[in-house]
Structures are given as C-alpha cells and as structure tokens.
Protein backbone atom coordinates (compact mmCIF):
# COMPACT_ATOMS: atom_id res chain seq x y z
CA MET A 1 99.32 84.16 116.52
CA SER A 2 96.36 81.92 115.66
CA THR A 3 92.75 81.40 116.73
CA GLY A 4 91.18 78.28 118.16
CA THR A 5 90.64 77.05 114.60
CA ASN A 6 94.37 77.53 113.95
CA GLU A 7 93.70 80.38 111.50
CA GLN A 8 96.68 82.70 111.25
CA MET A 9 96.20 86.14 112.81
CA ILE A 10 97.91 89.30 111.64
CA THR A 11 98.15 92.87 112.98
CA GLY A 12 97.66 96.11 111.12
CA GLY A 13 101.35 96.94 111.46
CA GLU A 14 102.32 93.61 109.94
CA LEU A 15 99.94 94.23 107.04
CA VAL A 16 101.52 97.64 106.44
CA ALA A 17 104.96 96.00 106.29
CA LYS A 18 103.74 93.34 103.84
CA ALA A 19 102.44 96.09 101.55
CA LEU A 20 105.75 97.95 101.82
CA LYS A 21 107.56 94.74 100.88
CA ALA A 22 105.26 94.20 97.89
CA GLU A 23 106.10 97.73 96.71
CA GLY A 24 109.83 96.95 96.91
CA VAL A 25 110.53 99.21 99.88
CA GLU A 26 113.90 98.28 101.37
CA VAL A 27 114.12 100.86 104.15
CA ILE A 28 111.91 103.15 106.21
CA TYR A 29 113.11 106.39 107.83
CA THR A 30 111.52 107.00 111.19
CA LEU A 31 111.60 108.40 114.69
CA CYS A 32 110.10 106.09 117.27
CA GLY A 33 106.65 106.93 118.64
CA GLY A 34 104.02 104.93 120.50
CA HIS A 35 101.39 105.25 117.77
CA ILE A 36 103.51 103.47 115.12
CA ILE A 37 105.46 100.78 116.98
CA ASP A 38 103.64 97.83 115.43
CA ILE A 39 104.88 98.86 111.97
CA TYR A 40 108.42 98.24 113.24
CA ASN A 41 107.53 94.69 114.23
CA GLY A 42 106.18 94.10 110.75
CA CYS A 43 109.27 95.59 109.09
CA LEU A 44 111.54 93.33 111.15
CA ASN A 45 109.48 90.33 110.02
CA GLU A 46 109.71 91.38 106.36
CA GLY A 47 113.41 92.23 106.38
CA ILE A 48 112.83 95.96 105.82
CA LYS A 49 115.62 98.09 107.29
CA ILE A 50 114.61 100.65 109.93
CA ILE A 51 116.72 103.82 110.02
CA ASP A 52 116.15 105.92 113.12
CA VAL A 53 116.61 109.68 112.82
CA ARG A 54 116.63 112.49 115.38
CA HIS A 55 113.91 114.69 113.92
CA GLU A 56 110.93 113.77 111.76
CA GLU A 57 111.84 116.39 109.16
CA VAL A 58 114.98 114.33 108.50
CA ALA A 59 112.83 111.25 107.93
CA SER A 60 110.72 112.88 105.24
CA HIS A 61 113.73 114.50 103.52
CA ALA A 62 115.54 111.15 103.62
CA ALA A 63 112.58 109.41 101.96
CA ASP A 64 112.65 112.13 99.29
CA GLY A 65 116.41 111.64 98.77
CA TYR A 66 116.09 107.86 98.62
CA ALA A 67 113.49 108.16 95.86
CA ARG A 68 115.69 110.55 93.88
CA MET A 69 118.66 108.21 94.04
CA THR A 70 116.95 104.86 93.43
CA GLY A 71 113.99 105.72 91.20
CA LYS A 72 111.75 103.87 93.67
CA PRO A 73 109.31 105.49 96.12
CA GLY A 74 110.77 106.43 99.49
CA CYS A 75 108.96 105.82 102.77
CA ALA A 76 108.96 107.65 106.11
CA VAL A 77 107.01 106.61 109.21
CA VAL A 78 106.33 109.17 111.94
CA THR A 79 104.18 109.42 115.00
CA ALA A 80 101.02 111.51 115.38
CA GLY A 81 100.72 115.24 116.08
CA PRO A 82 104.12 116.94 116.17
CA GLY A 83 105.72 113.90 114.55
CA THR A 84 103.59 114.43 111.48
CA THR A 85 103.81 118.23 111.48
CA HIS A 86 107.61 118.01 111.71
CA ALA A 87 107.60 115.91 108.53
CA LEU A 88 105.42 118.42 106.68
CA THR A 89 108.25 120.33 104.97
CA GLY A 90 109.81 117.19 103.53
CA VAL A 91 106.46 116.22 102.01
CA ALA A 92 105.94 119.73 100.63
CA ASN A 93 109.43 119.68 99.12
CA ALA A 94 108.74 116.34 97.43
CA PHE A 95 105.40 117.67 96.17
CA ARG A 96 106.93 120.65 94.37
CA ALA A 97 109.88 118.59 93.11
CA GLU A 98 107.61 115.74 91.89
CA ILE A 99 109.26 113.02 93.98
CA PRO A 100 107.39 109.76 94.76
CA MET A 101 107.29 108.96 98.47
CA LEU A 102 104.86 107.78 101.13
CA LEU A 103 104.61 109.33 104.58
CA ILE A 104 102.79 107.19 107.13
CA GLY A 105 101.66 109.10 110.19
CA GLY A 106 100.27 107.79 113.45
CA GLN A 107 96.90 108.86 114.85
CA SER A 108 95.09 108.36 118.13
CA SER A 109 92.61 105.51 118.35
CA LEU A 110 89.35 105.76 116.43
CA THR A 111 87.59 105.06 119.72
CA GLN A 112 88.93 108.43 120.96
CA HIS A 113 88.05 110.36 117.79
CA LYS A 114 87.41 114.07 118.54
CA MET A 115 87.85 113.51 122.28
CA GLY A 116 91.09 115.48 122.64
CA SER A 117 93.46 112.52 122.80
CA LEU A 118 97.25 112.77 122.91
CA GLN A 119 98.80 114.24 119.73
CA ASP A 120 95.47 114.30 117.89
CA LEU A 121 95.50 116.66 114.87
CA PRO A 122 93.65 116.74 111.52
CA HIS A 123 96.66 115.36 109.62
CA VAL A 124 94.80 114.48 106.44
CA ASP A 125 93.33 117.99 106.15
CA MET A 126 96.82 119.47 106.49
CA MET A 127 98.40 117.07 104.01
CA GLN A 128 95.70 117.24 101.33
CA PRO A 129 97.03 120.33 99.47
CA ILE A 130 100.63 119.04 99.32
CA THR A 131 100.11 115.39 98.35
CA LYS A 132 98.67 113.43 95.46
CA PHE A 133 96.70 111.30 97.92
CA ALA A 134 95.93 111.67 101.63
CA ALA A 135 93.63 109.40 103.64
CA THR A 136 92.88 107.69 106.96
CA VAL A 137 92.95 103.91 107.24
CA MET A 138 89.61 103.09 108.83
CA SER A 139 89.93 99.33 109.39
CA THR A 140 92.70 96.82 110.06
CA GLU A 141 91.50 94.75 107.11
CA ARG A 142 92.39 97.63 104.76
CA CYS A 143 95.88 98.49 106.09
CA ALA A 144 97.82 96.81 103.28
CA ASP A 145 95.26 97.76 100.66
CA MET A 146 95.46 101.45 101.56
CA VAL A 147 99.27 101.43 101.53
CA SER A 148 99.22 99.94 98.02
CA MET A 149 96.61 102.50 96.95
CA ALA A 150 98.77 105.34 98.27
CA PHE A 151 101.80 104.05 96.37
CA ARG A 152 99.77 103.81 93.16
CA GLU A 153 98.98 107.51 93.44
CA THR A 154 102.66 108.46 93.77
CA ARG A 155 102.99 107.41 90.10
CA ASN A 156 99.71 108.86 88.80
CA GLY A 157 100.78 111.30 86.06
CA SER A 158 103.70 113.32 87.34
CA PHE A 159 105.19 111.76 90.46
CA GLY A 160 104.63 113.02 93.99
CA PRO A 161 104.07 112.15 97.65
CA SER A 162 101.17 110.37 99.35
CA PHE A 163 100.14 110.42 103.01
CA LEU A 164 98.35 107.86 105.16
CA GLU A 165 97.38 108.22 108.81
CA ILE A 166 96.69 105.00 110.69
CA PRO A 167 94.89 105.17 114.06
CA ARG A 168 96.61 103.25 116.83
CA ASP A 169 93.79 100.78 117.46
CA ILE A 170 93.62 99.99 113.73
CA LEU A 171 97.37 99.37 113.63
CA ASP A 172 97.60 97.28 116.79
CA SER A 173 94.52 95.10 116.25
CA SER A 174 94.84 91.50 115.11
CA ILE A 175 92.52 89.98 112.51
CA PRO A 176 92.34 86.59 110.78
CA MET A 177 94.62 86.57 107.74
CA SER A 178 91.68 85.50 105.57
CA LYS A 179 89.93 88.84 106.26
CA ALA A 180 92.86 91.02 105.23
CA VAL A 181 92.89 92.74 101.83
CA LEU A 182 96.44 92.02 100.71
CA PRO A 183 97.34 93.22 97.19
CA GLN A 184 99.98 91.08 95.51
CA ALA A 185 103.25 92.53 94.20
CA GLY A 186 102.98 93.63 90.59
CA LYS A 187 99.22 93.04 90.43
CA TYR A 188 97.73 96.26 91.82
CA SER A 189 99.09 98.82 89.36
CA ALA A 190 99.46 99.10 85.61
CA SER A 191 102.45 100.38 83.66
CA SER A 192 102.73 104.16 83.78
CA LYS A 193 104.89 104.27 80.64
CA THR A 194 102.05 105.63 78.53
CA LEU A 195 102.65 107.09 75.07
CA ALA A 196 101.33 110.54 74.20
CA ASP A 197 98.78 110.82 71.37
CA PRO A 198 100.46 109.05 68.38
CA ILE A 199 99.16 111.69 65.96
CA ASP A 200 100.82 114.41 68.03
CA VAL A 201 103.98 112.31 68.29
CA GLN A 202 104.20 112.31 64.49
CA LYS A 203 103.45 116.05 64.37
CA ALA A 204 106.26 116.71 66.84
CA ALA A 205 108.67 114.52 64.88
CA ASP A 206 107.84 116.37 61.64
CA ILE A 207 108.20 119.83 63.23
CA ILE A 208 111.54 119.01 64.85
CA SER A 209 112.89 117.27 61.73
CA LYS A 210 112.25 120.37 59.61
CA ALA A 211 113.41 122.98 62.14
CA GLU A 212 116.57 124.94 61.31
CA ARG A 213 117.48 126.05 64.85
CA PRO A 214 115.79 123.79 67.39
CA CYS A 215 116.83 123.30 71.00
CA VAL A 216 115.56 121.13 73.84
CA LEU A 217 115.47 121.64 77.60
CA LEU A 218 115.52 118.36 79.50
CA GLY A 219 114.07 118.77 82.99
CA GLN A 220 113.39 117.00 86.27
CA GLN A 221 111.09 114.27 84.93
CA VAL A 222 113.81 112.89 82.65
CA TRP A 223 115.62 111.63 85.75
CA THR A 224 112.71 110.91 88.10
CA CYS A 225 111.03 108.59 85.60
CA GLN A 226 114.37 107.00 84.64
CA SER A 227 114.34 108.13 81.01
CA THR A 228 117.93 109.30 80.59
CA ALA A 229 118.81 106.78 77.88
CA GLU A 230 115.76 107.69 75.78
CA ALA A 231 116.46 111.41 76.21
CA ILE A 232 120.06 111.05 74.99
CA GLU A 233 118.90 108.91 72.06
CA PHE A 234 116.33 111.58 71.16
CA VAL A 235 118.89 114.40 71.28
CA LYS A 236 121.43 112.53 69.14
CA ASN A 237 119.03 110.95 66.64
CA MET A 238 117.28 114.29 66.03
CA ASN A 239 120.59 116.22 66.24
CA ILE A 240 119.41 118.94 68.64
CA PRO A 241 121.35 121.16 71.06
CA ALA A 242 120.34 120.15 74.59
CA TYR A 243 120.17 122.10 77.85
CA LEU A 244 119.62 120.46 81.24
CA ASN A 245 117.95 121.67 84.43
CA GLY A 246 116.97 120.23 87.79
CA ALA A 247 117.72 116.55 88.30
CA ALA A 248 118.37 116.12 84.57
CA ARG A 249 121.78 117.74 85.06
CA GLY A 250 124.37 115.05 84.48
CA SER A 251 122.24 113.27 81.87
CA MET A 252 124.85 114.23 79.29
CA ALA A 253 128.55 114.33 80.04
CA PRO A 254 130.43 117.64 80.00
CA GLY A 255 132.01 118.00 76.59
CA ASP A 256 129.32 116.02 74.78
CA PRO A 257 128.90 117.82 71.43
CA HIS A 258 125.11 117.94 71.93
CA HIS A 259 125.30 119.30 75.49
CA PHE A 260 125.24 123.07 76.00
CA HIS A 261 125.51 124.82 79.32
CA ARG A 262 125.79 128.61 79.17
CA THR A 263 123.86 129.73 76.09
CA ARG A 264 120.31 128.79 77.04
CA ARG A 265 119.01 132.35 76.95
CA ASN A 266 120.56 132.88 73.53
CA ALA A 267 119.08 129.62 72.24
CA PHE A 268 115.63 130.44 73.62
CA THR A 269 115.80 133.82 71.89
CA LYS A 270 116.94 132.57 68.48
CA SER A 271 115.45 129.07 68.17
CA ASP A 272 112.66 128.44 65.69
CA CYS A 273 111.58 125.31 67.62
CA ILE A 274 111.89 124.91 71.40
CA ILE A 275 111.10 121.58 73.08
CA ILE A 276 110.45 121.73 76.83
CA VAL A 277 110.61 118.29 78.45
CA GLY A 278 109.52 117.48 81.99
CA THR A 279 109.72 120.93 83.54
CA PRO A 280 106.97 123.50 84.17
CA PHE A 281 106.87 127.14 83.10
CA ASP A 282 107.48 128.27 86.67
CA PHE A 283 109.74 130.99 88.12
CA ARG A 284 112.85 129.11 86.97
CA MET A 285 111.63 129.48 83.40
CA GLY A 286 110.45 133.07 83.74
CA TYR A 287 106.92 131.63 83.50
CA GLY A 288 107.62 130.92 79.82
CA LYS A 289 108.23 134.55 78.87
CA ARG A 290 111.90 134.00 77.97
CA LEU A 291 111.10 131.91 74.91
CA ASN A 292 111.14 133.37 71.41
CA PRO A 293 107.50 134.48 70.89
CA ASN A 294 107.75 133.44 67.23
CA ALA A 295 109.15 129.97 67.92
CA THR A 296 107.19 126.76 67.66
CA VAL A 297 107.04 125.54 71.27
CA ILE A 298 106.51 121.84 71.99
CA GLN A 299 105.95 120.83 75.62
CA ILE A 300 106.18 117.23 76.83
CA ASP A 301 105.16 116.39 80.38
CA MET A 302 103.74 113.57 82.47
CA ASP A 303 101.01 115.84 83.88
CA TYR A 304 98.26 117.30 81.72
CA ARG A 305 97.90 120.26 84.10
CA THR A 306 101.47 121.40 83.44
CA VAL A 307 101.23 121.51 79.66
CA GLY A 308 100.37 125.00 78.40
CA LYS A 309 100.22 126.42 81.94
CA ASN A 310 101.45 130.07 82.14
CA ARG A 311 102.26 130.17 78.43
CA ASP A 312 100.54 129.19 75.19
CA ILE A 313 102.25 126.36 73.30
CA SER A 314 102.17 125.12 69.73
CA LEU A 315 101.88 121.43 70.59
CA GLY A 316 101.48 119.62 73.90
CA LEU A 317 102.16 115.95 74.56
CA VAL A 318 101.20 114.22 77.79
CA GLY A 319 102.79 110.87 78.51
CA HIS A 320 105.77 109.06 79.96
CA ILE A 321 108.93 110.98 79.06
CA GLY A 322 111.02 108.03 77.88
CA THR A 323 108.24 106.37 75.90
CA THR A 324 107.26 109.62 74.19
CA LEU A 325 110.80 110.79 73.36
CA LYS A 326 111.64 107.36 71.94
CA ALA A 327 108.56 107.44 69.71
CA ILE A 328 109.36 110.94 68.42
CA SER A 329 112.96 109.91 67.80
CA GLU A 330 111.87 106.86 65.78
CA ALA A 331 109.35 108.89 63.76
CA GLY A 332 111.71 111.78 62.95
CA THR A 333 114.70 112.29 60.68
CA LYS A 334 118.14 113.71 61.38
CA LYS A 335 119.07 117.10 59.89
CA ASP A 336 122.49 118.70 59.48
CA ARG A 337 122.61 121.74 61.78
CA SER A 338 126.34 122.36 61.92
CA ASP A 339 125.98 126.14 61.54
CA TRP A 340 123.51 126.34 64.47
CA PHE A 341 125.71 124.10 66.63
CA GLY A 342 128.75 126.18 65.71
CA GLU A 343 127.01 129.42 66.66
CA LEU A 344 125.99 128.08 70.07
CA ARG A 345 129.41 126.53 70.71
CA SER A 346 131.09 129.87 70.00
CA GLY A 347 128.64 131.46 72.42
CA GLU A 348 129.55 128.87 75.08
CA GLU A 349 133.26 129.66 74.71
CA ALA A 350 132.65 133.41 74.89
CA ALA A 351 130.43 133.02 77.97
CA LEU A 352 133.06 130.94 79.76
CA GLU A 353 135.79 133.45 78.90
CA LYS A 354 133.65 136.25 80.33
CA LEU A 355 133.03 134.28 83.55
CA MET A 356 136.62 133.15 84.14
CA PRO A 357 137.71 136.28 86.07
CA THR A 358 134.76 135.66 88.43
CA PHE A 359 135.54 131.93 88.71
CA THR A 360 139.21 132.52 89.48
CA THR A 361 139.18 135.74 91.52
CA ASP A 362 141.47 135.83 94.57
CA LYS A 363 139.36 138.34 96.48
CA SER A 364 138.70 137.77 100.16
CA PRO A 365 136.38 136.57 101.53
CA ILE A 366 136.29 133.93 98.81
CA SER A 367 133.74 134.42 96.05
CA PRO A 368 131.03 131.72 95.94
CA TYR A 369 131.65 131.54 92.18
CA ARG A 370 135.30 130.64 92.90
CA VAL A 371 134.08 127.93 95.30
CA ALA A 372 131.78 126.49 92.64
CA TRP A 373 134.55 126.53 90.03
CA GLU A 374 137.03 124.79 92.34
CA LEU A 375 134.45 122.19 93.35
CA ASN A 376 133.83 121.37 89.71
CA GLN A 377 137.54 120.62 89.21
CA PHE A 378 137.35 118.34 92.23
CA LEU A 379 134.38 116.22 91.08
CA ASN A 380 135.00 112.59 90.18
CA ASP A 381 133.00 110.57 87.68
CA ASP A 382 130.80 109.21 90.48
CA THR A 383 130.51 112.31 92.71
CA ILE A 384 126.98 113.32 93.71
CA TYR A 385 126.74 117.08 94.11
CA ILE A 386 124.11 118.43 96.50
CA GLY A 387 123.22 122.12 96.40
CA ASP A 388 121.36 122.93 99.60
CA GLY A 389 119.14 125.97 99.20
CA GLY A 390 118.61 128.82 96.78
CA ASP A 391 121.55 131.09 95.91
CA VAL A 392 124.10 128.28 96.25
CA VAL A 393 122.17 126.27 93.64
CA THR A 394 121.94 129.23 91.25
CA ILE A 395 125.66 129.94 91.56
CA SER A 396 126.72 126.28 91.45
CA ALA A 397 124.79 125.74 88.24
CA GLN A 398 127.12 128.24 86.53
CA ALA A 399 130.17 126.04 87.11
CA VAL A 400 129.35 122.59 88.44
CA GLN A 401 128.76 119.94 85.75
CA PRO A 402 127.98 116.47 87.13
CA ARG A 403 129.69 113.61 85.32
CA MET A 404 126.79 111.12 85.38
CA PRO A 405 122.96 110.95 85.53
CA GLY A 406 121.50 111.38 89.01
CA ALA A 407 124.62 113.13 90.27
CA TRP A 408 122.97 116.52 90.83
CA MET A 409 120.56 117.08 93.70
CA ASP A 410 118.89 120.31 94.75
CA PRO A 411 115.71 120.91 96.74
CA GLY A 412 113.65 121.83 93.68
CA PRO A 413 111.20 124.69 93.24
CA LEU A 414 110.20 124.90 96.93
CA GLY A 415 113.72 126.20 97.64
CA THR A 416 113.98 124.40 100.98
CA LEU A 417 117.20 125.13 102.85
CA GLY A 418 118.45 122.32 105.04
CA VAL A 419 117.48 119.32 102.92
C-alpha cells in the first residue's frame, strides 16, 4: 500500500516478519487468533513457514525444541489471554533449560487499555520472572526494533527466552516505511563468543596441566552454544576423563577413551581437580556437595550469576564455552594420566557388570531399566533420543548413550512432563 506521495506503507505485522527474517527465523509455531493475524500476512510475504498447532503449549515447546536442534532461536506466536497463558509452561521450561526462543503474544488494543477488553491480561508481568526480557510494543514504528531487541537478549550471557506482547492496533496499523525502525541483519548485535579473563584462562590451564587426577563435566551450554568441537579438543589435548550431562550427552561417542559414563561419583570423590562446564550446581549436582571438598574446582559458565552459586569454587571463568575451552586448551600442556584413566575404566566395567542383571531382567511387568537397555541397542548413529519427564530421564541416562551431538533431549531442570 502507498500514500498519495507514493511512499510505501507497512503494517506492524509485516515489520515483525521482517525482523524475524533478519534474525534467520525460518518457521513460527502458532495457533490462530484474531490479535495476531497480521503477523501471518507478514510471514507469508517473507517466506517464513507457519506451522499451526492445536494448543499454544505445543507452540512454545516446539519453539524450544527447534532451538535445541538448530542452535538458532525458536519463535512461537500466540494470541492474547489464554493463548499466552497456555504457552507459559513452554517458556518456563526454556528458561530453566537456557534455551533461546521468542514468544510473541497478542494483546488488546492500546485504546482499550484497562477497560476490560477481550482476553486482556497483564502478560508482561506474568512473563517477567521466567524470561530474560519481557516488554510491550508501544508503537507500530518500533515493532521490528523491539523484536530484534528481544532476540538480542536471548543471547545475553547464558541463553534463554524473551517475550513480547503487541497490542492489536499497533500490529494492524500501517505507517510510512520511512518511519519504521528496521534493524538490518547482522548489524544489531555483537558476537557473544567472549573470552573469559585471559589471566584466569592461563591459571586454569596451569592448574589442569599439573593435576594428577582431573575430570571434567560437560553440561548443557556445550551444546546450546554449539561448542562441541572445542569441548572435545579440550578433553583430548588436556587428556582429561570427561562426563556428560544434559544436552551435552552425545558430544563424545560411546567407547571414546576419554568418555566415561558410570563413574562420575567416584571421579568427583577422588579427583584433585574438577572442571564444571556449562551446568549449575543445582539439584542434579547435589548443589555442589558431591565434589571432593579438597579438590581444586574450576567452573566455566556463560552466566556470571551461576559461577560459585551454592558452592565455593577455586577459580571461576565467565565467557563463551567454546572460546574459553579453546583458549585453555592452547595454553595448557598434555600430561600422561594412564593410571587414573585405568582406574576409572575398571570402575566403569565393574559398574556395568553390577547393572547387567537389572538391564536384562525378565521380570513382568517389564523393568524400565530393561526398556532403556533395549532402546540403547536399537539406536542408530543418527537417532535422537527424547526422554519426556523425570524418572524416565534418570533411568534412561543409566543405559542410553546417544551416538552424536544433539541426539539427547530432555526437558531440563524444570522437569516438565509432556514436552
């Protein structure tokens, strides 16, 4: 559409779609609602695929899953009121699991603010505690700008979700293109691959190089920030036994001489240097109490708030996982630890032998451990294993070993069943 002076006009929904395109969004997950229809028009114009679901919770979980698989932020678009509240759990799950995604919610017109309009709720207030960024778009001119701003925040430190509500009159209004704030692809955010303090990088390299019995736990952030290659290089160059949790499972192939699976508690008890990478000292880690109290503990994380939380540490490094591990690897030296590796490998074999009667029991009804063991035999090199919920994840982790990075998915620390 154009004005009498032939200036191109553009709607808020079309601006939203342009910002999604600039971010590299290929698909939105949605359930149709009157408040958000103009975003669909924009997505059709920009070649963004629209996947319709049957419940808004599915849309937010799908955006979470898309981000986990691709390494790019996911996007869900839902209507106001119950549409947004239905999507709440998916956002909360992504928040605890540190997954980058944007939820766009509808809202009644600004002209009806606080009047009791259809599906009007204080969405931003509800979303604030479970997002890295939550805001209302207050003018059509800012629609694209605010979408880009929300995406920037999904990558600020540790990853996570953002939320935007866009009132219907803001979304549907047309403005001259010249008045729109339209950030250009690649020009509204800096690299997030920051290096931790170089002095501390050298300290970490020296400590690990000299350690007799080190071990490393590679966690969620290794996969979410696409740092698998650097993590493997670090483990092999520094010659350290490695354990995997969360989405990092699959980073190292089963049978890799540096990959250990069933002796983590033993390693944490006996190690003189424990490196915790990209995972918090939360309930899954016994809040840090399971580590040898006399060990040197190095924690590497993308979020300053996570480092040293719940447990004192010897050295903390805040920065991008891949960049920081690569720097430590280049600054350190390899040490022969064949005795330590041999001790842990013997422990792995003994642990498996002890578990085999449980994995192969013929009792009826079938043991969930037997199910997990049989599933592991069934996995192909490209199988993605999804553990949906709590106990099934705990049990599966005893037997299931993904064959490639990104091939393990579980809800994360929120423990959401039904993802």
